[in-house]
Amino acid sequence: MKKLLLLSLIGITLVGCGEKEGEKKISNEMLVGEWSCDYSDLRAQWEKGQFLDYVKEKSEIVKVKYYMKDNTLMATYNDDEEHSRPFSIEEIQKESGKEEISSNLKIKTILELNYISNDEYNFNEIREVTYVNGTDEQNEDNNEKRKHELICKRTK
């Protein structure tokens, strides 16, 4: 489960957020190599009709290696060569910015990707879950906001 979350987080980090003229963006070519990422998981609870400040729940260093195999970008996490997976920036871009609404919950995702240099980028994924037409008690039990932060620097 942890690897799946990590895969989705790092995958989402590669989503472009509208390139301005002359602005660099993350590409397959840029990613090829080894990266060290500081990962933080923060959570804001719902209280009295609003979200509270974020509280850090977890922090760790994640190693990521990207390489090309048969014209496909592959990703390996924390030196787990056995479980390398294809990585498609285009597929991630299609999924970016979607809002999901079920009968009781609304899930909104905000992505903030910042290209710093060819050797560094950072990313924030903010996922807000709110109960639709809920009572105060339902909102306090179900509403939450999570922020996943990645700050990645090339190591090789």
N, C-alpha and C. Protein backbone atom coordinates (compact mmCIF):
# COMPACT_ATOMS: atom_id res chain seq x y z
N MET A 1 0.83 -1.19 0.00
CA MET A 1 0.00 0.00 0.00
C MET A 1 0.87 1.25 0.00
N LYS A 2 1.95 1.21 0.80
CA LYS A 2 2.86 2.34 0.90
C LYS A 2 3.50 2.61 -0.46
N LYS A 3 3.91 1.54 -1.15
CA LYS A 3 4.54 1.70 -2.46
C LYS A 3 3.55 2.27 -3.47
N LEU A 4 2.30 1.83 -3.40
CA LEU A 4 1.28 2.34 -4.32
C LEU A 4 1.05 3.83 -4.09
N LEU A 5 0.98 4.26 -2.83
CA LEU A 5 0.82 5.68 -2.53
C LEU A 5 2.02 6.46 -3.04
N LEU A 6 3.22 5.92 -2.81
CA LEU A 6 4.42 6.58 -3.25
C LEU A 6 4.45 6.68 -4.77
N LEU A 7 4.07 5.60 -5.46
CA LEU A 7 4.01 5.63 -6.92
C LEU A 7 3.07 6.71 -7.41
N SER A 8 1.90 6.79 -6.82
CA SER A 8 0.93 7.78 -7.27
C SER A 8 1.41 9.19 -6.96
N LEU A 9 2.02 9.38 -5.82
CA LEU A 9 2.51 10.71 -5.45
C LEU A 9 3.60 11.18 -6.39
N ILE A 10 4.59 10.32 -6.58
CA ILE A 10 5.68 10.72 -7.45
C ILE A 10 5.19 10.83 -8.89
N GLY A 11 4.24 9.98 -9.25
CA GLY A 11 3.65 10.10 -10.59
C GLY A 11 2.98 11.42 -10.78
N ILE A 12 2.23 11.82 -9.81
CA ILE A 12 1.51 13.09 -9.91
C ILE A 12 2.48 14.26 -9.93
N THR A 13 3.65 14.08 -9.33
CA THR A 13 4.61 15.17 -9.31
C THR A 13 5.03 15.59 -10.71
N LEU A 14 4.86 14.71 -11.64
CA LEU A 14 5.32 14.98 -12.98
C LEU A 14 4.29 15.67 -13.86
N VAL A 15 3.16 15.96 -13.33
CA VAL A 15 2.09 16.58 -14.11
C VAL A 15 2.41 18.04 -14.33
N GLY A 16 2.38 18.48 -15.57
CA GLY A 16 2.61 19.88 -15.88
C GLY A 16 1.40 20.71 -15.50
N CYS A 17 1.63 21.93 -15.07
CA CYS A 17 0.54 22.79 -14.62
C CYS A 17 0.39 23.99 -15.55
N GLY A 18 0.49 23.78 -16.84
CA GLY A 18 0.34 24.88 -17.77
C GLY A 18 1.66 25.60 -17.95
N GLU A 19 2.35 25.30 -18.99
CA GLU A 19 3.68 25.86 -19.21
C GLU A 19 3.57 27.27 -19.76
N LYS A 20 4.29 28.20 -19.14
CA LYS A 20 4.37 29.57 -19.62
C LYS A 20 5.51 29.62 -20.63
N GLU A 21 5.49 30.64 -21.48
CA GLU A 21 6.52 30.77 -22.51
C GLU A 21 7.89 30.85 -21.85
N GLY A 22 8.82 30.00 -22.31
CA GLY A 22 10.17 29.98 -21.78
C GLY A 22 10.31 29.22 -20.47
N GLU A 23 9.21 28.82 -19.88
CA GLU A 23 9.26 28.10 -18.60
C GLU A 23 9.60 26.64 -18.87
N LYS A 24 10.48 26.11 -18.05
CA LYS A 24 10.86 24.71 -18.17
C LYS A 24 9.79 23.85 -17.52
N LYS A 25 9.69 22.61 -17.97
CA LYS A 25 8.79 21.67 -17.34
C LYS A 25 9.46 20.31 -17.27
N ILE A 26 8.88 19.45 -16.50
CA ILE A 26 9.44 18.12 -16.30
C ILE A 26 9.14 17.26 -17.52
N SER A 27 10.16 16.55 -17.99
CA SER A 27 10.02 15.67 -19.15
C SER A 27 10.69 14.33 -18.83
N ASN A 28 10.45 13.35 -19.68
CA ASN A 28 11.10 12.04 -19.51
C ASN A 28 12.62 12.20 -19.47
N GLU A 29 13.15 13.00 -20.39
CA GLU A 29 14.60 13.18 -20.49
C GLU A 29 15.17 13.79 -19.22
N MET A 30 14.45 14.76 -18.67
CA MET A 30 14.92 15.40 -17.45
C MET A 30 14.98 14.41 -16.29
N LEU A 31 14.02 13.50 -16.23
CA LEU A 31 13.90 12.59 -15.09
C LEU A 31 14.92 11.48 -15.07
N VAL A 32 15.42 11.08 -16.23
CA VAL A 32 16.34 9.94 -16.26
C VAL A 32 17.51 10.21 -15.32
N GLY A 33 17.67 9.31 -14.37
CA GLY A 33 18.73 9.43 -13.36
C GLY A 33 18.20 9.02 -12.00
N GLU A 34 18.96 9.37 -10.97
CA GLU A 34 18.60 9.01 -9.61
C GLU A 34 18.28 10.27 -8.81
N TRP A 35 17.24 10.17 -7.99
CA TRP A 35 16.73 11.30 -7.23
C TRP A 35 16.57 10.92 -5.76
N SER A 36 16.75 11.90 -4.91
CA SER A 36 16.45 11.76 -3.49
C SER A 36 15.34 12.76 -3.17
N CYS A 37 14.24 12.26 -2.60
CA CYS A 37 13.08 13.10 -2.34
C CYS A 37 12.75 13.12 -0.85
N ASP A 38 12.59 14.32 -0.31
CA ASP A 38 12.08 14.48 1.05
C ASP A 38 10.57 14.45 0.94
N TYR A 39 9.94 13.48 1.58
CA TYR A 39 8.49 13.31 1.52
C TYR A 39 7.89 13.62 2.88
N SER A 40 6.84 14.45 2.89
CA SER A 40 6.11 14.76 4.13
C SER A 40 4.62 14.57 3.89
N ASP A 41 3.96 13.99 4.88
CA ASP A 41 2.51 13.80 4.84
C ASP A 41 1.93 14.67 5.96
N LEU A 42 1.07 15.62 5.58
CA LEU A 42 0.45 16.52 6.54
C LEU A 42 -1.07 16.36 6.50
N ARG A 43 -1.72 16.64 7.63
CA ARG A 43 -3.17 16.46 7.70
C ARG A 43 -3.80 17.63 8.45
N ALA A 44 -4.91 18.12 7.91
CA ALA A 44 -5.69 19.17 8.58
C ALA A 44 -7.08 18.61 8.87
N GLN A 45 -7.48 18.66 10.12
CA GLN A 45 -8.80 18.17 10.49
C GLN A 45 -9.83 19.29 10.39
N TRP A 46 -11.08 18.89 10.38
CA TRP A 46 -12.22 19.81 10.28
C TRP A 46 -12.75 20.07 11.68
N GLU A 47 -12.91 21.35 11.99
CA GLU A 47 -13.48 21.70 13.30
C GLU A 47 -14.25 23.01 13.18
N LYS A 48 -15.48 23.01 13.66
CA LYS A 48 -16.33 24.19 13.70
C LYS A 48 -16.45 24.86 12.33
N GLY A 49 -16.69 24.05 11.31
CA GLY A 49 -16.96 24.59 9.98
C GLY A 49 -15.76 24.98 9.15
N GLN A 50 -14.54 24.62 9.58
CA GLN A 50 -13.36 24.95 8.78
C GLN A 50 -12.22 23.97 9.05
N PHE A 51 -11.26 23.98 8.13
CA PHE A 51 -10.09 23.13 8.31
C PHE A 51 -9.11 23.83 9.24
N LEU A 52 -8.50 23.07 10.15
CA LEU A 52 -7.47 23.57 11.04
C LEU A 52 -6.13 23.60 10.30
N ASP A 53 -5.09 24.10 10.95
CA ASP A 53 -3.75 24.10 10.35
C ASP A 53 -3.26 22.67 10.17
N TYR A 54 -2.34 22.51 9.21
CA TYR A 54 -1.76 21.19 8.96
C TYR A 54 -0.90 20.74 10.13
N VAL A 55 -0.93 19.43 10.37
CA VAL A 55 -0.06 18.78 11.35
C VAL A 55 0.72 17.71 10.59
N LYS A 56 2.04 17.69 10.74
CA LYS A 56 2.86 16.70 10.05
C LYS A 56 2.67 15.35 10.70
N GLU A 57 2.28 14.36 9.89
CA GLU A 57 2.07 13.00 10.41
C GLU A 57 3.24 12.08 10.09
N LYS A 58 3.98 12.40 9.04
CA LYS A 58 5.02 11.48 8.60
C LYS A 58 6.02 12.23 7.74
N SER A 59 7.28 11.81 7.82
CA SER A 59 8.33 12.39 6.99
C SER A 59 9.36 11.30 6.72
N GLU A 60 9.83 11.23 5.49
CA GLU A 60 10.85 10.23 5.16
C GLU A 60 11.58 10.62 3.88
N ILE A 61 12.71 9.98 3.66
CA ILE A 61 13.49 10.16 2.43
C ILE A 61 13.16 9.00 1.50
N VAL A 62 12.87 9.32 0.24
CA VAL A 62 12.53 8.31 -0.76
C VAL A 62 13.54 8.42 -1.91
N LYS A 63 14.10 7.28 -2.32
CA LYS A 63 15.00 7.25 -3.48
C LYS A 63 14.20 6.82 -4.69
N VAL A 64 14.38 7.55 -5.79
CA VAL A 64 13.69 7.23 -7.03
C VAL A 64 14.71 7.16 -8.16
N LYS A 65 14.60 6.13 -8.98
CA LYS A 65 15.47 5.99 -10.15
C LYS A 65 14.58 5.88 -11.38
N TYR A 66 14.80 6.76 -12.36
CA TYR A 66 14.08 6.73 -13.63
C TYR A 66 15.07 6.31 -14.72
N TYR A 67 14.62 5.43 -15.64
CA TYR A 67 15.45 5.02 -16.77
C TYR A 67 14.54 4.64 -17.94
N MET A 68 15.11 4.63 -19.13
CA MET A 68 14.37 4.28 -20.33
C MET A 68 14.62 2.80 -20.66
N LYS A 69 13.53 2.10 -21.01
CA LYS A 69 13.62 0.71 -21.44
C LYS A 69 12.64 0.54 -22.60
N ASP A 70 13.15 0.22 -23.77
CA ASP A 70 12.32 0.06 -24.97
C ASP A 70 11.41 1.28 -25.19
N ASN A 71 12.00 2.48 -25.13
CA ASN A 71 11.29 3.75 -25.32
C ASN A 71 10.19 4.01 -24.30
N THR A 72 10.26 3.36 -23.15
CA THR A 72 9.29 3.57 -22.07
C THR A 72 10.04 4.04 -20.83
N LEU A 73 9.53 5.09 -20.21
CA LEU A 73 10.13 5.57 -18.96
C LEU A 73 9.74 4.60 -17.85
N MET A 74 10.74 4.12 -17.11
CA MET A 74 10.53 3.19 -16.01
C MET A 74 10.93 3.87 -14.71
N ALA A 75 10.29 3.48 -13.61
CA ALA A 75 10.59 4.04 -12.29
C ALA A 75 10.80 2.92 -11.29
N THR A 76 11.83 3.10 -10.46
CA THR A 76 12.14 2.18 -9.37
C THR A 76 12.20 3.01 -8.10
N TYR A 77 11.59 2.50 -7.03
CA TYR A 77 11.53 3.23 -5.78
C TYR A 77 12.30 2.50 -4.70
N ASN A 78 13.13 3.25 -3.97
CA ASN A 78 13.92 2.72 -2.86
C ASN A 78 14.70 1.46 -3.23
N ASP A 79 15.35 1.50 -4.40
CA ASP A 79 16.22 0.41 -4.89
C ASP A 79 15.51 -0.93 -5.05
N ASP A 80 14.21 -0.92 -5.25
CA ASP A 80 13.43 -2.15 -5.43
C ASP A 80 13.36 -2.49 -6.93
N GLU A 81 14.50 -2.90 -7.50
CA GLU A 81 14.61 -3.18 -8.94
C GLU A 81 13.60 -4.22 -9.41
N GLU A 82 13.23 -5.13 -8.53
CA GLU A 82 12.30 -6.19 -8.86
C GLU A 82 10.92 -5.65 -9.24
N HIS A 83 10.56 -4.50 -8.71
CA HIS A 83 9.23 -3.94 -8.93
C HIS A 83 9.25 -2.64 -9.73
N SER A 84 10.18 -2.51 -10.68
CA SER A 84 10.20 -1.34 -11.56
C SER A 84 8.91 -1.33 -12.36
N ARG A 85 8.40 -0.13 -12.64
CA ARG A 85 7.13 0.00 -13.35
C ARG A 85 7.22 1.04 -14.45
N PRO A 86 6.45 0.83 -15.52
CA PRO A 86 6.37 1.88 -16.56
C PRO A 86 5.78 3.14 -15.94
N PHE A 87 6.23 4.26 -16.45
CA PHE A 87 5.79 5.55 -15.90
C PHE A 87 5.41 6.47 -17.06
N SER A 88 4.16 6.88 -17.12
CA SER A 88 3.66 7.68 -18.23
C SER A 88 3.22 9.06 -17.75
N ILE A 89 3.97 10.08 -18.12
CA ILE A 89 3.60 11.45 -17.77
C ILE A 89 2.27 11.81 -18.41
N GLU A 90 2.04 11.36 -19.63
CA GLU A 90 0.79 11.67 -20.34
C GLU A 90 -0.43 11.13 -19.60
N GLU A 91 -0.35 9.90 -19.10
CA GLU A 91 -1.47 9.31 -18.36
C GLU A 91 -1.75 10.10 -17.08
N ILE A 92 -0.70 10.53 -16.43
CA ILE A 92 -0.87 11.31 -15.20
C ILE A 92 -1.52 12.65 -15.51
N GLN A 93 -1.11 13.27 -16.60
CA GLN A 93 -1.69 14.56 -16.98
C GLN A 93 -3.19 14.44 -17.24
N LYS A 94 -3.63 13.32 -17.81
CA LYS A 94 -5.06 13.12 -18.06
C LYS A 94 -5.86 13.07 -16.76
N GLU A 95 -5.26 12.54 -15.72
CA GLU A 95 -5.95 12.38 -14.44
C GLU A 95 -5.89 13.63 -13.56
N SER A 96 -5.04 14.57 -13.92
CA SER A 96 -4.83 15.75 -13.09
C SER A 96 -6.07 16.64 -13.00
N GLY A 97 -6.33 17.15 -11.82
CA GLY A 97 -7.37 18.15 -11.61
C GLY A 97 -8.79 17.63 -11.56
N LYS A 98 -8.97 16.34 -11.46
CA LYS A 98 -10.32 15.79 -11.41
C LYS A 98 -10.94 15.97 -10.03
N GLU A 99 -12.25 16.21 -10.03
CA GLU A 99 -13.01 16.29 -8.79
C GLU A 99 -14.01 15.14 -8.82
N GLU A 100 -14.02 14.36 -7.75
CA GLU A 100 -14.91 13.21 -7.67
C GLU A 100 -16.00 13.49 -6.66
N ILE A 101 -17.23 13.14 -7.03
CA ILE A 101 -18.34 13.31 -6.10
C ILE A 101 -19.12 12.00 -6.07
N SER A 102 -19.26 11.45 -4.86
CA SER A 102 -20.11 10.27 -4.68
C SER A 102 -21.38 10.75 -3.99
N SER A 103 -22.22 9.85 -3.59
CA SER A 103 -23.47 10.25 -2.96
C SER A 103 -23.25 11.02 -1.66
N ASN A 104 -22.15 10.74 -0.97
CA ASN A 104 -21.93 11.40 0.33
C ASN A 104 -20.65 12.22 0.42
N LEU A 105 -19.69 11.98 -0.45
CA LEU A 105 -18.39 12.63 -0.33
C LEU A 105 -17.98 13.35 -1.61
N LYS A 106 -17.27 14.45 -1.42
CA LYS A 106 -16.66 15.18 -2.54
C LYS A 106 -15.15 15.17 -2.28
N ILE A 107 -14.40 14.74 -3.29
CA ILE A 107 -12.95 14.69 -3.18
C ILE A 107 -12.37 15.63 -4.23
N LYS A 108 -11.63 16.62 -3.77
CA LYS A 108 -11.03 17.63 -4.64
C LYS A 108 -9.52 17.52 -4.50
N THR A 109 -8.82 17.48 -5.64
CA THR A 109 -7.37 17.37 -5.61
C THR A 109 -6.75 18.58 -6.28
N ILE A 110 -5.79 19.19 -5.60
CA ILE A 110 -5.06 20.35 -6.13
C ILE A 110 -3.60 19.93 -6.27
N LEU A 111 -3.03 20.17 -7.44
CA LEU A 111 -1.64 19.82 -7.69
C LEU A 111 -0.83 21.08 -7.91
N GLU A 112 0.30 21.18 -7.22
CA GLU A 112 1.21 22.31 -7.40
C GLU A 112 2.58 21.74 -7.73
N LEU A 113 3.03 21.91 -8.96
CA LEU A 113 4.32 21.41 -9.40
C LEU A 113 5.23 22.59 -9.69
N ASN A 114 6.42 22.56 -9.14
CA ASN A 114 7.36 23.65 -9.34
C ASN A 114 8.68 23.12 -9.86
N TYR A 115 8.97 23.46 -11.10
CA TYR A 115 10.28 23.15 -11.69
C TYR A 115 11.26 24.15 -11.08
N ILE A 116 12.32 23.65 -10.49
CA ILE A 116 13.34 24.54 -9.92
C ILE A 116 14.55 24.58 -10.84
N SER A 117 15.02 23.43 -11.26
CA SER A 117 16.13 23.33 -12.21
C SER A 117 16.08 21.93 -12.80
N ASN A 118 16.99 21.63 -13.71
CA ASN A 118 17.03 20.27 -14.26
C ASN A 118 17.41 19.25 -13.19
N ASP A 119 17.88 19.73 -12.05
CA ASP A 119 18.32 18.85 -10.98
C ASP A 119 17.47 18.95 -9.72
N GLU A 120 16.33 19.67 -9.80
CA GLU A 120 15.50 19.81 -8.61
C GLU A 120 14.08 20.23 -8.99
N TYR A 121 13.11 19.65 -8.30
CA TYR A 121 11.71 20.07 -8.42
C TYR A 121 11.01 19.80 -7.10
N ASN A 122 9.88 20.48 -6.91
CA ASN A 122 9.07 20.15 -5.74
C ASN A 122 7.62 20.06 -6.17
N PHE A 123 6.86 19.39 -5.33
CA PHE A 123 5.48 19.09 -5.66
C PHE A 123 4.64 19.05 -4.40
N ASN A 124 3.43 19.59 -4.49
CA ASN A 124 2.44 19.47 -3.43
C ASN A 124 1.18 18.88 -4.03
N GLU A 125 0.64 17.89 -3.37
CA GLU A 125 -0.68 17.36 -3.72
C GLU A 125 -1.57 17.60 -2.51
N ILE A 126 -2.64 18.34 -2.71
CA ILE A 126 -3.58 18.62 -1.63
C ILE A 126 -4.88 17.94 -1.98
N ARG A 127 -5.32 17.05 -1.12
CA ARG A 127 -6.56 16.31 -1.33
C ARG A 127 -7.53 16.68 -0.20
N GLU A 128 -8.66 17.24 -0.61
CA GLU A 128 -9.67 17.71 0.34
C GLU A 128 -10.90 16.82 0.22
N VAL A 129 -11.29 16.20 1.32
CA VAL A 129 -12.46 15.33 1.36
C VAL A 129 -13.50 16.00 2.25
N THR A 130 -14.67 16.27 1.68
CA THR A 130 -15.75 16.89 2.45
C THR A 130 -17.03 16.09 2.29
N TYR A 131 -17.77 16.01 3.36
CA TYR A 131 -19.05 15.32 3.38
C TYR A 131 -20.09 16.22 2.73
N VAL A 132 -20.86 15.70 1.79
CA VAL A 132 -21.85 16.48 1.07
C VAL A 132 -23.13 16.55 1.91
N ASN A 133 -23.60 17.78 2.17
CA ASN A 133 -24.82 18.02 2.95
C ASN A 133 -24.82 17.31 4.29
N GLY A 134 -23.66 17.30 4.94
CA GLY A 134 -23.54 16.60 6.21
C GLY A 134 -23.92 17.45 7.40
N THR A 135 -24.25 16.77 8.48
CA THR A 135 -24.48 17.45 9.75
C THR A 135 -23.13 17.87 10.31
N ASP A 136 -23.13 18.69 11.35
CA ASP A 136 -21.86 19.09 11.97
C ASP A 136 -21.08 17.86 12.43
N GLU A 137 -21.78 16.90 13.00
CA GLU A 137 -21.11 15.69 13.48
C GLU A 137 -20.52 14.88 12.32
N GLN A 138 -21.28 14.72 11.23
CA GLN A 138 -20.76 13.99 10.07
C GLN A 138 -19.56 14.71 9.47
N ASN A 139 -19.63 16.03 9.40
CA ASN A 139 -18.51 16.80 8.85
C ASN A 139 -17.26 16.63 9.71
N GLU A 140 -17.40 16.69 11.01
CA GLU A 140 -16.23 16.54 11.89
C GLU A 140 -15.65 15.13 11.81
N ASP A 141 -16.50 14.13 11.58
CA ASP A 141 -16.02 12.75 11.47
C ASP A 141 -15.39 12.45 10.12
N ASN A 142 -15.85 13.10 9.05
CA ASN A 142 -15.46 12.71 7.69
C ASN A 142 -14.60 13.72 6.93
N ASN A 143 -14.71 14.99 7.22
CA ASN A 143 -13.97 16.00 6.45
C ASN A 143 -12.51 16.02 6.88
N GLU A 144 -11.62 16.03 5.89
CA GLU A 144 -10.20 16.18 6.18
C GLU A 144 -9.48 16.68 4.94
N LYS A 145 -8.33 17.25 5.18
CA LYS A 145 -7.49 17.73 4.09
C LYS A 145 -6.09 17.16 4.33
N ARG A 146 -5.52 16.55 3.29
CA ARG A 146 -4.17 16.00 3.36
C ARG A 146 -3.29 16.70 2.34
N LYS A 147 -2.07 16.92 2.75
CA LYS A 147 -1.08 17.53 1.86
C LYS A 147 0.14 16.63 1.84
N HIS A 148 0.52 16.23 0.63
CA HIS A 148 1.73 15.43 0.43
C HIS A 148 2.75 16.33 -0.24
N GLU A 149 3.89 16.50 0.40
CA GLU A 149 4.94 17.35 -0.14
C GLU A 149 6.13 16.50 -0.55
N LEU A 150 6.65 16.77 -1.72
CA LEU A 150 7.89 16.13 -2.19
C LEU A 150 8.86 17.20 -2.63
N ILE A 151 10.08 17.11 -2.14
CA ILE A 151 11.15 18.00 -2.60
C ILE A 151 12.25 17.07 -3.10
N CYS A 152 12.46 17.07 -4.42
CA CYS A 152 13.35 16.09 -5.04
C CYS A 152 14.58 16.76 -5.62
N LYS A 153 15.74 16.13 -5.37
CA LYS A 153 17.01 16.60 -5.90
C LYS A 153 17.73 15.44 -6.57
N ARG A 154 18.31 15.73 -7.73
CA ARG A 154 19.05 14.70 -8.47
C ARG A 154 20.31 14.31 -7.68
N THR A 155 20.56 13.01 -7.62
CA THR A 155 21.78 12.54 -6.99
C THR A 155 22.77 12.01 -8.03
N LYS A 156 22.27 11.54 -9.19
CA LYS A 156 23.15 11.05 -10.29
C LYS A 156 22.48 11.31 -11.61
